Amino acid sequence: MVKAELALEDKRKKALPKSHVATFRYASGNTKVAKVDKNGKITAVGKGTCYIYVYAANGLAKKVKVTVK
């Protein structure tokens, strides 16, 4: 499971409300290797390596390398 948390750069500003946009979105670079749900839970599908991407509401993105044996 990929865990992400929101850290505001400017404490005076508020984050977008969840009714407007999801705080985090998750995507798999190769769904034949691993899938990820909307909560960040990763499910192995086949052998190989892929990246799981986490997109924050402010547009920042990070990737995590996943290897399925």
Protein backbone atom coordinates (compact mmCIF):
# COMPACT_ATOMS: atom_id res chain seq x y z
CA MET A 1 0.00 0.00 0.00
CA VAL A 2 1.26 3.44 -0.89
CA LYS A 3 0.74 5.97 1.89
CA ALA A 4 0.82 9.67 1.08
CA GLU A 5 0.16 12.69 3.21
CA LEU A 6 -0.52 16.29 2.35
CA ALA A 7 1.98 18.92 3.52
CA LEU A 8 1.06 22.51 2.75
CA GLU A 9 3.99 24.76 1.83
CA ASP A 10 2.18 27.87 3.04
CA LYS A 11 0.39 27.18 6.35
CA ARG A 12 -1.81 30.25 5.82
CA LYS A 13 -3.46 28.69 2.76
CA LYS A 14 -6.03 25.91 2.91
CA ALA A 15 -6.08 22.71 0.86
CA LEU A 16 -8.79 22.24 -1.74
CA PRO A 17 -11.91 20.59 -0.29
CA LYS A 18 -12.40 16.87 -0.98
CA SER A 19 -15.73 17.66 -2.61
CA HIS A 20 -13.84 19.64 -5.25
CA VAL A 21 -11.00 17.23 -6.02
CA ALA A 22 -9.47 14.07 -4.55
CA THR A 23 -6.51 14.78 -2.28
CA PHE A 24 -4.48 12.04 -3.99
CA ARG A 25 -4.92 10.05 -7.19
CA TYR A 26 -3.02 6.85 -7.96
CA ALA A 27 -2.08 5.27 -11.29
CA SER A 28 -0.07 2.27 -12.43
CA GLY A 29 2.45 2.59 -15.24
CA ASN A 30 1.84 -1.02 -16.31
CA THR A 31 -1.46 -2.65 -15.28
CA LYS A 32 -0.19 -6.05 -16.50
CA VAL A 33 2.26 -6.04 -13.56
CA ALA A 34 0.40 -4.23 -10.78
CA LYS A 35 -2.85 -2.35 -10.28
CA VAL A 36 -3.60 0.31 -7.70
CA ASP A 37 -7.00 1.38 -6.37
CA LYS A 38 -8.20 4.85 -5.39
CA ASN A 39 -6.94 4.34 -1.81
CA GLY A 40 -3.39 3.39 -2.84
CA LYS A 41 -3.72 -0.37 -2.34
CA ILE A 42 -1.45 -2.20 -4.80
CA THR A 43 -2.47 -5.56 -6.25
CA ALA A 44 0.06 -7.75 -8.08
CA VAL A 45 -1.15 -9.05 -11.45
CA GLY A 46 1.93 -10.55 -13.13
CA LYS A 47 5.71 -10.73 -12.89
CA GLY A 48 7.75 -7.68 -13.73
CA THR A 49 8.55 -4.13 -12.68
CA CYS A 50 6.43 -1.01 -12.96
CA TYR A 51 5.95 2.40 -11.39
CA ILE A 52 3.02 3.52 -9.26
CA TYR A 53 2.35 7.25 -9.57
CA VAL A 54 0.81 9.40 -6.84
CA TYR A 55 -0.70 12.73 -7.94
CA ALA A 56 -1.57 15.37 -5.35
CA ALA A 57 -4.41 17.86 -5.73
CA ASN A 58 -1.91 20.68 -6.26
CA GLY A 59 -0.38 18.91 -9.30
CA LEU A 60 2.74 17.48 -7.71
CA ALA A 61 3.54 13.87 -8.54
CA LYS A 62 5.84 11.16 -7.21
CA LYS A 63 6.56 7.65 -8.43
CA VAL A 64 7.32 4.43 -6.56
CA LYS A 65 9.05 1.48 -8.23
CA VAL A 66 7.26 -1.84 -7.69
CA THR A 67 8.73 -5.27 -8.50
CA VAL A 68 6.52 -8.37 -8.61
CA LYS A 69 8.34 -11.69 -8.42
